[in-house]
PDB file of N, CA and C in Angstrom:
ATOM      1  N   MET A   1      -5.692  -9.230   9.699  1.00  0.00           N
ATOM      2  CA  MET A   1      -5.901  -8.442   8.527  1.00  0.00           C
ATOM      3  C   MET A   1      -4.599  -8.476   7.683  1.00  0.00           C
ATOM      4  N   VAL A   2      -4.603  -8.608   6.430  1.00  0.00           N
ATOM      5  CA  VAL A   2      -3.489  -8.664   5.596  1.00  0.00           C
ATOM      6  C   VAL A   2      -2.994  -7.211   5.371  1.00  0.00           C
ATOM      7  N   VAL A   3      -1.662  -7.089   4.997  1.00  0.00           N
ATOM      8  CA  VAL A   3      -1.116  -5.704   4.807  1.00  0.00           C
ATOM      9  C   VAL A   3      -1.853  -4.940   3.752  1.00  0.00           C
ATOM     10  N   GLN A   4      -2.085  -5.601   2.646  1.00  0.00           N
ATOM     11  CA  GLN A   4      -2.693  -4.774   1.577  1.00  0.00           C
ATOM     12  C   GLN A   4      -4.111  -4.158   2.018  1.00  0.00           C
ATOM     13  N   LYS A   5      -4.880  -4.899   2.807  1.00  0.00           N
ATOM     14  CA  LYS A   5      -6.154  -4.365   3.328  1.00  0.00           C
ATOM     15  C   LYS A   5      -5.869  -3.355   4.362  1.00  0.00           C
ATOM     16  N   ARG A   6      -4.872  -3.318   5.136  1.00  0.00           N
ATOM     17  CA  ARG A   6      -4.522  -2.301   6.054  1.00  0.00           C
ATOM     18  C   ARG A   6      -4.106  -1.046   5.345  1.00  0.00           C
ATOM     19  N   ILE A   7      -3.299  -1.256   4.275  1.00  0.00           N
ATOM     20  CA  ILE A   7      -2.900  -0.080   3.469  1.00  0.00           C
ATOM     21  C   ILE A   7      -4.207   0.588   2.819  1.00  0.00           C
ATOM     22  N   ALA A   8      -5.070  -0.236   2.192  1.00  0.00           N
ATOM     23  CA  ALA A   8      -6.221   0.267   1.528  1.00  0.00           C
ATOM     24  C   ALA A   8      -7.071   1.070   2.563  1.00  0.00           C
ATOM     25  N   ARG A   9      -7.203   0.481   3.816  1.00  0.00           N
ATOM     26  CA  ARG A   9      -8.008   1.124   4.775  1.00  0.00           C
ATOM     27  C   ARG A   9      -7.402   2.535   5.233  1.00  0.00           C
ATOM     28  N   TYR A  10      -6.130   2.541   5.355  1.00  0.00           N
ATOM     29  CA  TYR A  10      -5.316   3.795   5.688  1.00  0.00           C
ATOM     30  C   TYR A  10      -5.590   4.722   4.671  1.00  0.00           C
ATOM     31  N   LEU A  11      -5.553   4.324   3.383  1.00  0.00           N
ATOM     32  CA  LEU A  11      -5.763   5.381   2.272  1.00  0.00           C
ATOM     33  C   LEU A  11      -7.152   5.921   2.303  1.00  0.00           C
ATOM     34  N   SER A  12      -8.135   5.106   2.508  1.00  0.00           N
ATOM     35  CA  SER A  12      -9.546   5.544   2.605  1.00  0.00           C
ATOM     36  C   SER A  12      -9.763   6.458   3.822  1.00  0.00           C
ATOM     37  N   GLU A  13      -9.203   6.072   4.890  1.00  0.00           N
ATOM     38  CA  GLU A  13      -9.336   6.915   6.188  1.00  0.00           C
ATOM     39  C   GLU A  13      -8.691   8.186   6.063  1.00  0.00           C
ATOM     40  N   SER A  14      -7.516   8.246   5.341  1.00  0.00           N
ATOM     41  CA  SER A  14      -6.826   9.407   5.304  1.00  0.00           C
ATOM     42  C   SER A  14      -7.177  10.339   4.099  1.00  0.00           C
ATOM     43  N   GLY A  15      -7.965   9.814   3.118  1.00  0.00           N
ATOM     44  CA  GLY A  15      -8.327  10.586   1.919  1.00  0.00           C
ATOM     45  C   GLY A  15      -7.234  10.694   0.947  1.00  0.00           C
ATOM     46  N   ILE A  16      -6.319   9.690   1.000  1.00  0.00           N
ATOM     47  CA  ILE A  16      -5.342   9.538  -0.075  1.00  0.00           C
ATOM     48  C   ILE A  16      -5.835   8.671  -1.193  1.00  0.00           C
ATOM     49  N   THR A  17      -5.581   9.164  -2.441  1.00  0.00           N
ATOM     50  CA  THR A  17      -6.032   8.307  -3.601  1.00  0.00           C
ATOM     51  C   THR A  17      -4.936   7.436  -4.110  1.00  0.00           C
ATOM     52  N   GLN A  18      -5.410   6.437  -4.825  1.00  0.00           N
ATOM     53  CA  GLN A  18      -4.574   5.456  -5.625  1.00  0.00           C
ATOM     54  C   GLN A  18      -3.650   6.271  -6.491  1.00  0.00           C
ATOM     55  N   ALA A  19      -4.095   7.339  -7.128  1.00  0.00           N
ATOM     56  CA  ALA A  19      -3.379   8.086  -8.030  1.00  0.00           C
ATOM     57  C   ALA A  19      -2.187   8.741  -7.328  1.00  0.00           C
ATOM     58  N   PHE A  20      -2.412   9.078  -6.052  1.00  0.00           N
ATOM     59  CA  PHE A  20      -1.230   9.763  -5.407  1.00  0.00           C
ATOM     60  C   PHE A  20      -0.134   8.672  -5.199  1.00  0.00           C
ATOM     61  N   ILE A  21      -0.500   7.375  -4.909  1.00  0.00           N
ATOM     62  CA  ILE A  21       0.458   6.362  -4.772  1.00  0.00           C
ATOM     63  C   ILE A  21       1.157   6.036  -6.060  1.00  0.00           C
ATOM     64  N   CYS A  22       0.332   6.095  -7.172  1.00  0.00           N
ATOM     65  CA  CYS A  22       0.971   5.802  -8.574  1.00  0.00           C
ATOM     66  C   CYS A  22       2.046   6.973  -8.806  1.00  0.00           C
ATOM     67  N   LYS A  23       1.630   8.195  -8.491  1.00  0.00           N
ATOM     68  CA  LYS A  23       2.545   9.188  -8.803  1.00  0.00           C
ATOM     69  C   LYS A  23       3.909   9.121  -8.065  1.00  0.00           C
ATOM     70  N   LYS A  24       3.700   8.815  -6.765  1.00  0.00           N
ATOM     71  CA  LYS A  24       4.865   8.784  -5.873  1.00  0.00           C
ATOM     72  C   LYS A  24       5.804   7.526  -5.976  1.00  0.00           C
ATOM     73  N   THR A  25       5.082   6.509  -6.548  1.00  0.00           N
ATOM     74  CA  THR A  25       5.894   5.241  -6.644  1.00  0.00           C
ATOM     75  C   THR A  25       6.361   4.920  -8.102  1.00  0.00           C
ATOM     76  N   GLY A  26       5.565   5.521  -9.044  1.00  0.00           N
ATOM     77  CA  GLY A  26       5.837   5.126 -10.432  1.00  0.00           C
ATOM     78  C   GLY A  26       5.204   3.871 -10.883  1.00  0.00           C
ATOM     79  N   MET A  27       4.275   3.265 -10.063  1.00  0.00           N
ATOM     80  CA  MET A  27       3.558   2.034 -10.392  1.00  0.00           C
ATOM     81  C   MET A  27       2.437   2.447 -11.106  1.00  0.00           C
ATOM     82  N   SER A  28       1.909   1.574 -12.070  1.00  0.00           N
ATOM     83  CA  SER A  28       0.738   1.835 -12.817  1.00  0.00           C
ATOM     84  C   SER A  28      -0.527   1.717 -12.010  1.00  0.00           C
ATOM     85  N   PRO A  29      -1.582   2.452 -12.449  1.00  0.00           N
ATOM     86  CA  PRO A  29      -2.836   2.377 -11.702  1.00  0.00           C
ATOM     87  C   PRO A  29      -3.337   1.004 -11.625  1.00  0.00           C
ATOM     88  N   LYS A  30      -3.181   0.251 -12.643  1.00  0.00           N
ATOM     89  CA  LYS A  30      -3.743  -1.241 -12.570  1.00  0.00           C
ATOM     90  C   LYS A  30      -2.914  -1.926 -11.593  1.00  0.00           C
ATOM     91  N   ARG A  31      -1.704  -1.865 -11.420  1.00  0.00           N
ATOM     92  CA  ARG A  31      -0.772  -2.431 -10.507  1.00  0.00           C
ATOM     93  C   ARG A  31      -1.231  -2.150  -9.217  1.00  0.00           C
ATOM     94  N   VAL A  32      -1.330  -0.907  -8.762  1.00  0.00           N
ATOM     95  CA  VAL A  32      -1.751  -0.496  -7.470  1.00  0.00           C
ATOM     96  C   VAL A  32      -3.077  -0.964  -7.023  1.00  0.00           C
ATOM     97  N   SER A  33      -3.957  -0.810  -7.950  1.00  0.00           N
ATOM     98  CA  SER A  33      -5.394  -1.374  -7.728  1.00  0.00           C
ATOM     99  C   SER A  33      -5.308  -2.857  -7.486  1.00  0.00           C
ATOM    100  N   ASP A  34      -4.634  -3.680  -8.409  1.00  0.00           N
ATOM    101  CA  ASP A  34      -4.578  -5.009  -8.175  1.00  0.00           C
ATOM    102  C   ASP A  34      -3.958  -5.408  -6.819  1.00  0.00           C
ATOM    103  N   ILE A  35      -2.937  -4.655  -6.395  1.00  0.00           N
ATOM    104  CA  ILE A  35      -2.344  -4.963  -5.138  1.00  0.00           C
ATOM    105  C   ILE A  35      -3.332  -4.739  -3.914  1.00  0.00           C
ATOM    106  N   LEU A  36      -3.978  -3.499  -4.060  1.00  0.00           N
ATOM    107  CA  LEU A  36      -4.877  -3.166  -2.846  1.00  0.00           C
ATOM    108  C   LEU A  36      -6.099  -4.037  -2.830  1.00  0.00           C
ATOM    109  N   THR A  37      -6.557  -4.535  -3.963  1.00  0.00           N
ATOM    110  CA  THR A  37      -7.701  -5.401  -4.003  1.00  0.00           C
ATOM    111  C   THR A  37      -7.309  -6.880  -3.832  1.00  0.00           C
ATOM    112  N   MET A  38      -6.190  -7.124  -3.744  1.00  0.00           N
ATOM    113  CA  MET A  38      -5.522  -8.427  -3.587  1.00  0.00           C
ATOM    114  C   MET A  38      -5.763  -9.384  -4.729  1.00  0.00           C
ATOM    115  N   LYS A  39      -5.711  -8.862  -6.002  1.00  0.00           N
ATOM    116  CA  LYS A  39      -5.881  -9.597  -7.160  1.00  0.00           C
ATOM    117  C   LYS A  39      -4.350 -10.146  -7.418  1.00  0.00           C
ATOM    118  N   THR A  40      -3.425  -9.575  -6.878  1.00  0.00           N
ATOM    119  CA  THR A  40      -2.063 -10.017  -7.221  1.00  0.00           C
ATOM    120  C   THR A  40      -1.312  -9.768  -5.895  1.00  0.00           C
ATOM    121  N   ARG A  41      -0.137 -10.428  -5.756  1.00  0.00           N
ATOM    122  CA  ARG A  41       0.783 -10.366  -4.670  1.00  0.00           C
ATOM    123  C   ARG A  41       1.630  -9.133  -4.775  1.00  0.00           C
ATOM    124  N   MET A  42       1.885  -8.501  -3.600  1.00  0.00           N
ATOM    125  CA  MET A  42       2.700  -7.240  -3.599  1.00  0.00           C
ATOM    126  C   MET A  42       4.188  -7.781  -3.278  1.00  0.00           C
ATOM    127  N   ARG A  43       5.046  -7.171  -4.115  1.00  0.00           N
ATOM    128  CA  ARG A  43       6.487  -7.578  -3.877  1.00  0.00           C
ATOM    129  C   ARG A  43       6.994  -6.786  -2.817  1.00  0.00           C
ATOM    130  N   ALA A  44       8.126  -7.173  -2.234  1.00  0.00           N
ATOM    131  CA  ALA A  44       8.790  -6.426  -1.163  1.00  0.00           C
ATOM    132  C   ALA A  44       9.098  -4.933  -1.594  1.00  0.00           C
ATOM    133  N   ASP A  45       9.685  -4.841  -2.793  1.00  0.00           N
ATOM    134  CA  ASP A  45      10.134  -3.534  -3.235  1.00  0.00           C
ATOM    135  C   ASP A  45       8.861  -2.622  -3.374  1.00  0.00           C
ATOM    136  N   GLU A  46       7.757  -3.181  -3.826  1.00  0.00           N
ATOM    137  CA  GLU A  46       6.553  -2.331  -3.915  1.00  0.00           C
ATOM    138  C   GLU A  46       6.025  -1.965  -2.581  1.00  0.00           C
ATOM    139  N   TYR A  47       6.079  -2.797  -1.601  1.00  0.00           N
ATOM    140  CA  TYR A  47       5.631  -2.424  -0.301  1.00  0.00           C
ATOM    141  C   TYR A  47       6.525  -1.367   0.240  1.00  0.00           C
ATOM    142  N   GLU A  48       7.835  -1.521   0.029  1.00  0.00           N
ATOM    143  CA  GLU A  48       8.809  -0.422   0.634  1.00  0.00           C
ATOM    144  C   GLU A  48       8.384   0.868  -0.007  1.00  0.00           C
ATOM    145  N   SER A  49       8.204   0.907  -1.419  1.00  0.00           N
ATOM    146  CA  SER A  49       7.811   2.170  -2.163  1.00  0.00           C
ATOM    147  C   SER A  49       6.582   2.727  -1.637  1.00  0.00           C
ATOM    148  N   ILE A  50       5.560   1.860  -1.368  1.00  0.00           N
ATOM    149  CA  ILE A  50       4.241   2.413  -1.015  1.00  0.00           C
ATOM    150  C   ILE A  50       4.456   2.992   0.416  1.00  0.00           C
ATOM    151  N   CYS A  51       5.044   2.374   1.356  1.00  0.00           N
ATOM    152  CA  CYS A  51       5.295   2.962   2.673  1.00  0.00           C
ATOM    153  C   CYS A  51       6.043   4.188   2.651  1.00  0.00           C
ATOM    154  N   LYS A  52       7.082   4.243   1.778  1.00  0.00           N
ATOM    155  CA  LYS A  52       7.793   5.522   1.622  1.00  0.00           C
ATOM    156  C   LYS A  52       7.003   6.556   1.142  1.00  0.00           C
ATOM    157  N   ALA A  53       6.086   6.330   0.188  1.00  0.00           N
ATOM    158  CA  ALA A  53       5.161   7.321  -0.393  1.00  0.00           C
ATOM    159  C   ALA A  53       4.269   7.854   0.569  1.00  0.00           C
ATOM    160  N   LEU A  54       3.837   7.039   1.551  1.00  0.00           N
ATOM    161  CA  LEU A  54       2.998   7.483   2.614  1.00  0.00           C
ATOM    162  C   LEU A  54       3.694   8.030   3.891  1.00  0.00           C
ATOM    163  N   GLY A  55       4.955   8.022   3.890  1.00  0.00           N
ATOM    164  CA  GLY A  55       5.710   8.361   5.033  1.00  0.00           C
ATOM    165  C   GLY A  55       5.651   7.536   6.201  1.00  0.00           C
ATOM    166  N   LYS A  56       5.437   6.263   5.967  1.00  0.00           N
ATOM    167  CA  LYS A  56       5.273   5.217   6.948  1.00  0.00           C
ATOM    168  C   LYS A  56       6.466   4.224   6.889  1.00  0.00           C
ATOM    169  N   THR A  57       6.668   3.364   7.885  1.00  0.00           N
ATOM    170  CA  THR A  57       7.553   2.289   7.897  1.00  0.00           C
ATOM    171  C   THR A  57       6.797   1.082   7.607  1.00  0.00           C
ATOM    172  N   PRO A  58       7.416  -0.057   6.990  1.00  0.00           N
ATOM    173  CA  PRO A  58       6.705  -1.255   6.740  1.00  0.00           C
ATOM    174  C   PRO A  58       6.155  -1.772   7.981  1.00  0.00           C
ATOM    175  N   ASN A  59       6.755  -1.672   9.152  1.00  0.00           N
ATOM    176  CA  ASN A  59       6.085  -2.102  10.385  1.00  0.00           C
ATOM    177  C   ASN A  59       4.764  -1.432  10.822  1.00  0.00           C
ATOM    178  N   ASP A  60       4.584  -0.307  10.177  1.00  0.00           N
ATOM    179  CA  ASP A  60       3.320   0.371  10.490  1.00  0.00           C
ATOM    180  C   ASP A  60       2.064  -0.307   9.997  1.00  0.00           C
ATOM    181  N   PHE A  61       2.183  -1.255   9.025  1.00  0.00           N
ATOM    182  CA  PHE A  61       1.037  -1.907   8.361  1.00  0.00           C
ATOM    183  C   PHE A  61       1.081  -3.447   8.766  1.00  0.00           C
ATOM    184  N   MET A  62       1.992  -3.849   9.492  1.00  0.00           N
ATOM    185  CA  MET A  62       2.240  -5.325   9.759  1.00  0.00           C
ATOM    186  C   MET A  62       1.587  -5.567  11.193  1.00  0.00           C
ATOM    187  N   GLU A  63       1.100  -6.737  11.348  1.00  0.00           N
ATOM    188  CA  GLU A  63       0.397  -7.123  12.595  1.00  0.00           C
ATOM    189  C   GLU A  63       1.500  -7.771  13.433  1.00  0.00           C
ATOM    190  N   VAL A  64       1.690  -7.321  14.613  1.00  0.00           N
ATOM    191  CA  VAL A  64       2.632  -7.870  15.529  1.00  0.00           C
ATOM    192  C   VAL A  64       1.972  -8.806  16.484  1.00  0.00           C
ATOM    193  N   ARG A  65       2.440  -9.947  16.549  1.00  0.00           N
ATOM    194  CA  ARG A  65       1.773 -11.001  17.639  1.00  0.00           C
ATOM    195  C   ARG A  65       2.877 -11.372  18.671  1.00  0.00           C
ATOM    196  N   ALA A  66       2.383 -11.303  19.769  1.00  0.00           N
ATOM    197  CA  ALA A  66       3.360 -11.668  20.928  1.00  0.00           C
ATOM    198  C   ALA A  66       3.311 -13.159  21.150  1.00  0.00           C
TER     199      ALA A  66
END
C-alpha cells in the first residue's frame, strides 16, 4: 500500500479530518484531497508537514521490507 493510502486510512480510523491537516500544515483543502486520493504526487516537504501535524514520523507510514 502506498503512503498516501496509509495516511488516508489512518485519518479515517482516527477520526481526523482533512480540515485538521489543512489547518496544521497550511495546505489548501484541494491539495490535501488530491494528495490523499492520489490525484497528484506528494512532495517530500508536504509528507513531512503531514506527519508532523499528526505527531508521527515519516517511517510510521512507510512499508519496511526485509
